[in-house]
Amino acid sequence: MTDIIPNNEPHIVRVKDFRIDANYAAWISEIKRRYHSAQIKAAVKVNTEKLAFNWSVGRDLVMRKAEETWGSGVVEQLSFDLQEAFPHDRGFGSRNLWNMKKWYLTFSSLTAQKKLHQLGAELQQTNVQQVIKLHQLGAEIDFPLVLGLVPWRHQVNITTKCRTVDEAVFYLKECILGGWSRQTLDNSLKANLYKTHGKAISNFPECLPEAQSRMAQEITKDNYDFGFVTVPANYKEEQLEAALEQNITRFLLELGTGFAFVGRQKELIVDGRTRRIDMLFYHIRLKAYVVVELKVRPFDPAYAGKLNYYVNAVDELLKSMDDNPTIGLLICSDKNETDVRWAFKGIQTPMGVASYENVQIASPSNLLPSAEELQARIKLVEEELKKSND
């Protein structure tokens, strides 16, 4: 019989007769994975049930033509009745009921339903739960489960601030894949990420298979906001690189969902010679390295050749059999589309060009050494003088 020996901690026991091996380790790992998966599914189910209810209320307000049937004050009266019936539950304010109606109107059209179905198919390819339908009693439009993957307050922000279905679906997708907090969503809405996302000038369609090309285009922007970095006047490329590296968390947010930072001035040895990439990333969803070259001047056709070289070098030296082709991203202070298109002609390496703006220039006072730095410099000078006198 196995002896169970209690230890000092409550509800925890140590097993006297036990031998761990690889099979047990694999088994316990699998149990933990299943439990974690069950937790996620439970949370999604609860959120989905709540959203399905909100959907049904929005649907009722539309399908029953509530305002025409019972008057313009029907939503306020409904809010009063529901709060009286469920005094301990939140979410029955009149504003929230209006949001339910707007939400339903946004995503119940045939166009929206088609786009949500397409989004579900894309998510299935990235191992995110597929769209299914919850058949509701008497429902004219079924509730698509993909909406259940995003919290209600996120949904409200999306439907109240987006002008088109395409824009709303874009932010839904980013929330799901990126696990965005509401603050991140708000920041992205304010920055109008939808307008700049996926708009970099590129040769991706010519150089990549359709699925990879579409994703590569999606993860690049036309313009990047570098307002979070401060550099000196007449700054050089290495100073911009250093500022971005110091603010790497903010830079990764600006790049978008899925980027992992590999390193700055990444060294590559080519036939005994050292070559250095400005910044190297790996994109999780694309499963590919991303070479980022920074230029503090407008795009010049000569830049394309250098970026092409670095992308090919990463393919040869770092890319594994499981990785997709490396892509290059050149971020310049400005760009001309004709220059970029002509420079890319004949190049088979997937590359894109974007611009940046809003870099903060440090004032002269900010560039002065601090009191601690001055004391350190004085101490160093004194030590040097003492050495020379000795």
Protein backbone atom coordinates (compact mmCIF):
# COMPACT_ATOMS: atom_id res chain seq x y z
CA MET A 1 0.00 0.00 0.00
CA THR A 2 1.23 3.48 -0.79
CA ASP A 3 1.87 5.66 2.25
CA ILE A 4 0.56 9.21 2.05
CA ILE A 5 2.58 11.45 4.32
CA PRO A 6 1.10 14.87 5.10
CA ASN A 7 3.53 17.75 5.04
CA ASN A 8 3.25 21.12 6.74
CA GLU A 9 1.14 22.71 4.01
CA PRO A 10 -2.64 22.15 4.08
CA HIS A 11 -4.25 20.00 1.36
CA ILE A 12 -0.83 18.93 0.01
CA VAL A 13 0.65 15.47 0.47
CA ARG A 14 3.95 13.86 -0.38
CA VAL A 15 3.92 10.36 -1.86
CA LYS A 16 6.43 7.99 -0.29
CA ASP A 17 6.43 5.24 -2.92
CA PHE A 18 6.72 7.01 -6.27
CA ARG A 19 9.12 6.88 -9.20
CA ILE A 20 8.98 9.59 -11.85
CA ASP A 21 9.87 8.80 -15.44
CA ALA A 22 9.42 10.35 -18.90
CA ASN A 23 5.98 8.79 -19.36
CA TYR A 24 4.68 10.29 -16.12
CA ALA A 25 6.13 13.71 -17.00
CA ALA A 26 4.45 13.57 -20.39
CA TRP A 27 1.16 12.49 -18.80
CA ILE A 28 1.08 15.27 -16.21
CA SER A 29 2.02 17.78 -18.90
CA GLU A 30 -0.92 16.58 -20.99
CA ILE A 31 -3.31 16.87 -18.02
CA LYS A 32 -2.15 20.44 -17.38
CA ARG A 33 -2.62 21.29 -21.05
CA ARG A 34 -6.16 19.85 -21.01
CA TYR A 35 -7.05 21.77 -17.85
CA HIS A 36 -5.72 25.02 -19.27
CA SER A 37 -7.70 24.37 -22.45
CA ALA A 38 -10.83 23.70 -20.35
CA GLN A 39 -10.35 26.99 -18.50
CA ILE A 40 -10.12 28.88 -21.77
CA LYS A 41 -13.18 27.12 -23.17
CA ALA A 42 -15.17 27.85 -20.02
CA ALA A 43 -14.29 31.54 -20.15
CA VAL A 44 -15.15 31.70 -23.85
CA LYS A 45 -18.44 29.89 -23.19
CA VAL A 46 -19.48 32.30 -20.44
CA ASN A 47 -18.56 35.30 -22.57
CA THR A 48 -20.35 33.78 -25.55
CA GLU A 49 -23.56 33.17 -23.59
CA LYS A 50 -23.61 36.78 -22.38
CA LEU A 51 -22.94 38.10 -25.86
CA ALA A 52 -25.57 35.80 -27.35
CA PHE A 53 -28.09 37.33 -24.92
CA ASN A 54 -27.03 40.86 -25.93
CA TRP A 55 -27.37 39.82 -29.56
CA SER A 56 -30.90 38.53 -28.93
CA VAL A 57 -31.94 41.82 -27.28
CA GLY A 58 -30.50 43.85 -30.15
CA ARG A 59 -32.25 41.53 -32.61
CA ASP A 60 -35.58 41.98 -30.78
CA LEU A 61 -35.30 45.77 -30.87
CA VAL A 62 -34.74 45.60 -34.63
CA MET A 63 -37.07 42.79 -35.66
CA ARG A 64 -39.97 43.84 -33.41
CA LYS A 65 -39.61 47.45 -34.60
CA ALA A 66 -39.82 48.36 -30.95
CA GLU A 67 -39.82 52.14 -31.35
CA GLU A 68 -42.57 52.07 -33.95
CA THR A 69 -44.63 49.60 -31.95
CA TRP A 70 -44.33 51.02 -28.42
CA GLY A 71 -42.99 54.56 -28.91
CA SER A 72 -39.63 56.33 -28.85
CA GLY A 73 -39.25 55.80 -25.10
CA VAL A 74 -39.40 52.01 -25.31
CA VAL A 75 -35.66 51.48 -24.71
CA GLU A 76 -35.70 53.62 -21.58
CA GLN A 77 -38.77 51.74 -20.30
CA LEU A 78 -37.18 48.38 -21.13
CA SER A 79 -34.08 49.46 -19.21
CA PHE A 80 -36.21 50.40 -16.18
CA ASP A 81 -38.13 47.09 -16.23
CA LEU A 82 -35.01 44.94 -16.58
CA GLN A 83 -33.14 46.77 -13.81
CA GLU A 84 -36.15 46.38 -11.55
CA ALA A 85 -36.37 42.64 -12.34
CA PHE A 86 -32.62 42.06 -11.97
CA PRO A 87 -31.40 44.71 -9.50
CA HIS A 88 -28.05 42.99 -8.86
CA ASP A 89 -27.12 42.57 -12.52
CA ARG A 90 -25.30 45.20 -14.52
CA GLY A 91 -25.63 45.93 -18.22
CA PHE A 92 -29.28 46.96 -18.44
CA GLY A 93 -28.73 50.69 -18.73
CA SER A 94 -30.49 52.35 -21.66
CA ARG A 95 -27.18 53.26 -23.30
CA ASN A 96 -26.09 49.63 -23.20
CA LEU A 97 -29.40 48.54 -24.74
CA TRP A 98 -28.89 51.03 -27.58
CA ASN A 99 -25.38 49.57 -28.01
CA MET A 100 -26.91 46.09 -28.35
CA LYS A 101 -29.13 47.32 -31.16
CA LYS A 102 -26.23 49.03 -32.95
CA TRP A 103 -24.05 45.95 -32.50
CA TYR A 104 -26.70 43.70 -34.00
CA LEU A 105 -27.23 46.06 -36.94
CA THR A 106 -23.46 46.15 -37.57
CA PHE A 107 -22.92 42.39 -37.76
CA SER A 108 -26.28 40.94 -38.84
CA SER A 109 -26.18 42.01 -42.48
CA LEU A 110 -25.37 39.40 -45.10
CA THR A 111 -22.14 41.23 -45.92
CA ALA A 112 -21.05 41.23 -42.29
CA GLN A 113 -22.03 37.58 -41.79
CA LYS A 114 -19.93 36.60 -44.80
CA LYS A 115 -16.90 38.50 -43.51
CA LEU A 116 -17.27 36.98 -40.05
CA HIS A 117 -17.40 33.52 -41.63
CA GLN A 118 -14.21 34.33 -43.57
CA LEU A 119 -12.58 35.54 -40.37
CA GLY A 120 -13.54 32.29 -38.65
CA ALA A 121 -11.94 30.29 -41.45
CA GLU A 122 -8.71 32.30 -41.10
CA LEU A 123 -8.70 31.83 -37.33
CA GLN A 124 -9.11 28.09 -37.76
CA GLN A 125 -5.86 28.06 -39.74
CA THR A 126 -4.10 29.75 -36.81
CA ASN A 127 -5.55 27.28 -34.27
CA VAL A 128 -8.09 29.75 -32.90
CA GLN A 129 -11.56 28.35 -32.33
CA GLN A 130 -13.64 28.12 -35.49
CA VAL A 131 -16.93 29.92 -36.06
CA ILE A 132 -19.94 27.84 -35.16
CA LYS A 133 -23.50 28.93 -34.69
CA LEU A 134 -25.62 28.92 -31.57
CA HIS A 135 -29.13 28.12 -32.78
CA GLN A 136 -31.44 30.31 -30.75
CA LEU A 137 -35.17 29.76 -30.44
CA GLY A 138 -36.88 31.89 -33.05
CA ALA A 139 -33.64 33.55 -34.19
CA GLU A 140 -33.82 35.03 -37.68
CA ILE A 141 -30.03 35.46 -37.69
CA ASP A 142 -27.81 32.99 -35.81
CA PHE A 143 -25.11 34.35 -33.52
CA PRO A 144 -21.61 33.72 -34.92
CA LEU A 145 -19.29 32.37 -32.22
CA VAL A 146 -16.34 34.39 -33.51
CA LEU A 147 -17.96 37.39 -31.81
CA GLY A 148 -17.83 35.45 -28.56
CA LEU A 149 -14.03 35.56 -28.61
CA VAL A 150 -14.02 39.32 -27.91
CA PRO A 151 -15.33 40.92 -24.67
CA TRP A 152 -18.48 43.04 -24.78
CA ARG A 153 -16.84 46.40 -23.99
CA HIS A 154 -14.37 45.80 -26.80
CA GLN A 155 -17.32 45.14 -29.09
CA VAL A 156 -19.01 48.39 -28.02
CA ASN A 157 -15.88 50.42 -28.77
CA ILE A 158 -15.53 48.78 -32.17
CA THR A 159 -19.13 49.23 -33.28
CA THR A 160 -19.41 52.82 -32.02
CA LYS A 161 -16.13 54.02 -33.54
CA CYS A 162 -15.81 52.05 -36.80
CA ARG A 163 -17.49 53.35 -39.94
CA THR A 164 -17.53 50.19 -42.04
CA VAL A 165 -17.91 46.45 -41.54
CA ASP A 166 -14.41 45.87 -42.95
CA GLU A 167 -12.94 48.18 -40.33
CA ALA A 168 -14.93 46.54 -37.51
CA VAL A 169 -13.88 43.03 -38.57
CA PHE A 170 -10.25 44.18 -38.81
CA TYR A 171 -10.26 45.27 -35.15
CA LEU A 172 -12.09 42.10 -34.08
CA LYS A 173 -9.37 40.01 -35.70
CA GLU A 174 -6.57 42.00 -34.07
CA CYS A 175 -8.24 41.72 -30.65
CA ILE A 176 -8.50 37.94 -31.01
CA LEU A 177 -5.02 37.28 -32.38
CA GLY A 178 -3.24 39.86 -30.25
CA GLY A 179 -5.20 39.35 -27.03
CA TRP A 180 -5.64 43.12 -26.94
CA SER A 181 -6.66 44.88 -23.75
CA ARG A 182 -9.33 47.55 -24.07
CA GLN A 183 -6.63 50.22 -23.69
CA THR A 184 -4.63 48.75 -26.58
CA LEU A 185 -7.79 48.69 -28.69
CA ASP A 186 -8.57 52.31 -27.81
CA ASN A 187 -5.03 53.39 -28.70
CA SER A 188 -5.25 51.57 -32.03
CA LEU A 189 -8.62 53.14 -32.82
CA LYS A 190 -7.29 56.61 -32.01
CA ALA A 191 -4.21 55.99 -34.17
CA ASN A 192 -6.52 54.83 -36.99
CA LEU A 193 -4.51 51.65 -37.37
CA TYR A 194 -6.96 50.31 -39.93
CA LYS A 195 -6.05 53.03 -42.43
CA THR A 196 -2.30 52.45 -42.28
CA HIS A 197 -2.18 48.71 -41.56
CA GLY A 198 -1.10 46.58 -44.49
CA LYS A 199 -0.43 49.53 -46.79
CA ALA A 200 3.36 49.32 -47.19
CA ILE A 201 4.55 49.45 -50.81
CA SER A 202 5.75 45.91 -51.52
CA ASN A 203 6.39 43.17 -54.06
CA PHE A 204 4.80 40.51 -51.82
CA PRO A 205 2.14 39.43 -54.39
CA GLU A 206 4.84 38.75 -56.98
CA CYS A 207 7.26 36.96 -54.65
CA LEU A 208 5.15 34.94 -52.19
CA PRO A 209 2.32 32.40 -52.38
CA GLU A 210 -1.10 34.01 -52.02
CA ALA A 211 -1.71 33.15 -48.35
CA GLN A 212 1.76 34.28 -47.25
CA SER A 213 1.58 37.37 -49.45
CA ARG A 214 -1.71 38.42 -47.89
CA MET A 215 -0.42 37.94 -44.37
CA ALA A 216 2.90 39.68 -45.11
CA GLN A 217 0.97 42.65 -46.47
CA GLU A 218 -1.30 42.68 -43.43
CA ILE A 219 1.58 42.90 -40.96
CA THR A 220 3.21 45.93 -42.60
CA LYS A 221 2.07 49.54 -42.45
CA ASP A 222 2.35 52.47 -44.80
CA ASN A 223 3.62 54.70 -42.02
CA TYR A 224 4.95 54.07 -38.51
CA ASP A 225 4.48 56.48 -35.60
CA PHE A 226 7.80 56.89 -33.78
CA GLY A 227 6.44 59.52 -31.40
CA PHE A 228 7.62 57.42 -28.44
CA VAL A 229 11.34 57.98 -29.15
CA THR A 230 13.51 61.07 -28.60
CA VAL A 231 16.70 61.69 -30.56
CA PRO A 232 19.13 64.61 -30.99
CA ALA A 233 18.81 67.10 -33.82
CA ASN A 234 20.55 65.83 -36.99
CA TYR A 235 20.31 62.30 -35.58
CA LYS A 236 21.94 59.38 -37.35
CA GLU A 237 20.56 55.94 -38.10
CA GLU A 238 22.37 54.30 -35.21
CA GLN A 239 20.85 56.83 -32.81
CA LEU A 240 17.36 56.07 -34.09
CA GLU A 241 18.08 52.33 -33.77
CA ALA A 242 19.27 52.77 -30.19
CA ALA A 243 16.19 54.81 -29.27
CA LEU A 244 13.90 52.14 -30.75
CA GLU A 245 15.76 49.38 -28.91
CA GLN A 246 15.46 51.28 -25.62
CA ASN A 247 11.71 51.46 -26.23
CA ILE A 248 11.41 47.98 -27.73
CA THR A 249 8.12 47.15 -26.02
CA ARG A 250 6.50 50.25 -27.50
CA PHE A 251 8.14 49.57 -30.87
CA LEU A 252 6.74 46.02 -30.92
CA LEU A 253 3.26 47.43 -30.26
CA GLU A 254 3.72 49.84 -33.15
CA LEU A 255 4.87 47.06 -35.47
CA GLY A 256 1.75 45.06 -34.62
CA THR A 257 0.66 41.65 -33.39
CA GLY A 258 3.02 38.71 -33.75
CA PHE A 259 6.47 40.36 -33.90
CA ALA A 260 9.26 38.98 -31.68
CA PHE A 261 12.53 40.92 -31.35
CA VAL A 262 15.64 38.91 -32.27
CA GLY A 263 18.28 41.61 -32.00
CA ARG A 264 19.79 44.90 -33.12
CA GLN A 265 22.91 44.98 -35.32
CA LYS A 266 22.48 41.23 -35.73
CA GLU A 267 25.80 39.80 -36.90
CA LEU A 268 25.98 37.57 -39.96
CA ILE A 269 29.25 35.99 -41.05
CA VAL A 270 29.48 35.75 -44.84
CA ASP A 271 32.68 34.14 -46.15
CA GLY A 272 34.56 35.29 -43.08
CA ARG A 273 33.27 38.86 -43.27
CA THR A 274 30.89 40.43 -40.76
CA ARG A 275 27.61 41.88 -41.96
CA ARG A 276 25.17 43.53 -39.55
CA ILE A 277 21.41 43.92 -39.88
CA ASP A 278 19.89 47.03 -38.31
CA MET A 279 17.10 45.11 -36.55
CA LEU A 280 15.93 41.53 -36.92
CA PHE A 281 12.50 40.20 -35.91
CA TYR A 282 10.60 36.95 -36.21
CA HIS A 283 6.88 36.96 -36.95
CA ILE A 284 5.01 34.20 -35.14
CA ARG A 285 1.97 33.98 -37.42
CA LEU A 286 3.91 34.39 -40.65
CA LYS A 287 6.57 31.97 -39.36
CA ALA A 288 9.29 34.01 -41.00
CA TYR A 289 12.19 36.29 -40.15
CA VAL A 290 11.65 39.98 -40.84
CA VAL A 291 14.70 42.10 -41.65
CA VAL A 292 14.13 45.76 -40.73
CA GLU A 293 16.48 48.37 -42.15
CA LEU A 294 16.17 51.98 -40.96
CA LYS A 295 17.03 55.04 -43.04
CA VAL A 296 16.83 58.59 -41.71
CA ARG A 297 16.63 59.89 -45.27
CA PRO A 298 13.99 59.46 -48.01
CA PHE A 299 14.01 56.23 -50.01
CA ASP A 300 16.83 55.82 -52.50
CA PRO A 301 16.79 52.99 -55.10
CA ALA A 302 20.20 51.88 -53.86
CA TYR A 303 18.61 50.85 -50.55
CA ALA A 304 16.69 48.05 -52.29
CA GLY A 305 19.89 46.22 -53.26
CA LYS A 306 21.24 46.27 -49.70
CA LEU A 307 17.95 45.04 -48.23
CA ASN A 308 17.79 42.30 -50.87
CA TYR A 309 21.26 41.14 -49.82
CA TYR A 310 20.36 40.97 -46.11
CA VAL A 311 17.12 39.08 -46.73
CA ASN A 312 18.96 36.50 -48.84
CA ALA A 313 21.70 36.22 -46.20
CA VAL A 314 19.13 35.48 -43.48
CA ASP A 315 17.51 32.88 -45.72
CA GLU A 316 20.86 31.20 -46.23
CA LEU A 317 22.22 31.44 -42.68
CA LEU A 318 19.30 31.55 -40.24
CA LYS A 319 16.15 30.28 -41.91
CA SER A 320 15.22 26.68 -41.06
CA MET A 321 13.26 24.18 -43.12
CA ASP A 322 10.11 25.01 -41.13
CA ASP A 323 10.36 28.77 -41.72
CA ASN A 324 8.68 30.62 -44.55
CA PRO A 325 10.78 32.92 -46.77
CA THR A 326 12.30 35.89 -44.98
CA ILE A 327 10.80 39.28 -45.79
CA GLY A 328 12.50 42.66 -45.73
CA LEU A 329 11.03 45.93 -44.46
CA LEU A 330 12.75 49.23 -45.17
CA ILE A 331 11.53 52.12 -42.98
CA CYS A 332 12.60 55.50 -44.37
CA SER A 333 11.86 59.11 -43.44
CA ASP A 334 9.87 59.38 -46.68
CA LYS A 335 9.24 57.46 -49.92
CA ASN A 336 8.09 57.90 -53.49
CA GLU A 337 5.96 55.05 -54.82
CA THR A 338 7.36 55.23 -58.36
CA ASP A 339 10.93 55.05 -57.07
CA VAL A 340 10.07 52.03 -54.95
CA ARG A 341 8.20 50.18 -57.72
CA TRP A 342 10.98 50.68 -60.23
CA ALA A 343 13.67 49.72 -57.70
CA PHE A 344 11.83 46.46 -56.97
CA LYS A 345 11.51 45.42 -60.61
CA GLY A 346 13.38 42.18 -61.24
CA ILE A 347 13.92 41.50 -57.52
CA GLN A 348 12.45 38.16 -56.40
CA THR A 349 13.03 38.74 -52.71
CA PRO A 350 9.85 39.73 -50.78
CA MET A 351 10.34 43.30 -49.56
CA GLY A 352 8.29 46.29 -48.49
CA VAL A 353 8.96 49.99 -47.93
CA ALA A 354 7.29 52.20 -45.33
CA SER A 355 7.90 55.62 -43.82
CA TYR A 356 7.99 56.94 -40.26
CA GLU A 357 7.03 60.20 -38.55
CA ASN A 358 6.70 62.07 -35.24
CA VAL A 359 10.21 61.40 -33.95
CA GLN A 360 10.77 63.71 -30.98
CA ILE A 361 13.82 65.96 -31.13
CA ALA A 362 15.54 66.50 -27.80
CA SER A 363 15.94 70.11 -26.65
CA PRO A 364 19.49 71.28 -25.83
CA SER A 365 18.70 71.20 -22.10
CA ASN A 366 17.77 67.54 -22.36
CA LEU A 367 21.12 66.81 -23.94
CA LEU A 368 23.14 68.37 -21.09
CA PRO A 369 24.75 65.88 -18.71
CA SER A 370 23.04 65.32 -15.37
CA ALA A 371 24.62 66.36 -12.06
CA GLU A 372 25.64 62.75 -11.44
CA GLU A 373 27.24 62.52 -14.89
CA LEU A 374 29.14 65.79 -14.30
CA GLN A 375 30.42 64.55 -10.93
CA ALA A 376 31.57 61.30 -12.54
CA ARG A 377 33.38 63.23 -15.29
CA ILE A 378 35.06 65.54 -12.73
CA LYS A 379 36.17 62.54 -10.70
CA LEU A 380 37.61 60.92 -13.83
CA VAL A 381 39.53 64.09 -14.73
CA GLU A 382 40.88 64.35 -11.17
CA GLU A 383 42.07 60.73 -11.28
CA GLU A 384 43.78 61.32 -14.63
CA LEU A 385 45.51 64.46 -13.26
CA LYS A 386 46.65 62.57 -10.18
CA LYS A 387 48.12 59.80 -12.37
CA SER A 388 49.98 62.34 -14.52
CA ASN A 389 51.42 64.08 -11.45
CA ASP A 390 52.62 60.77 -10.04
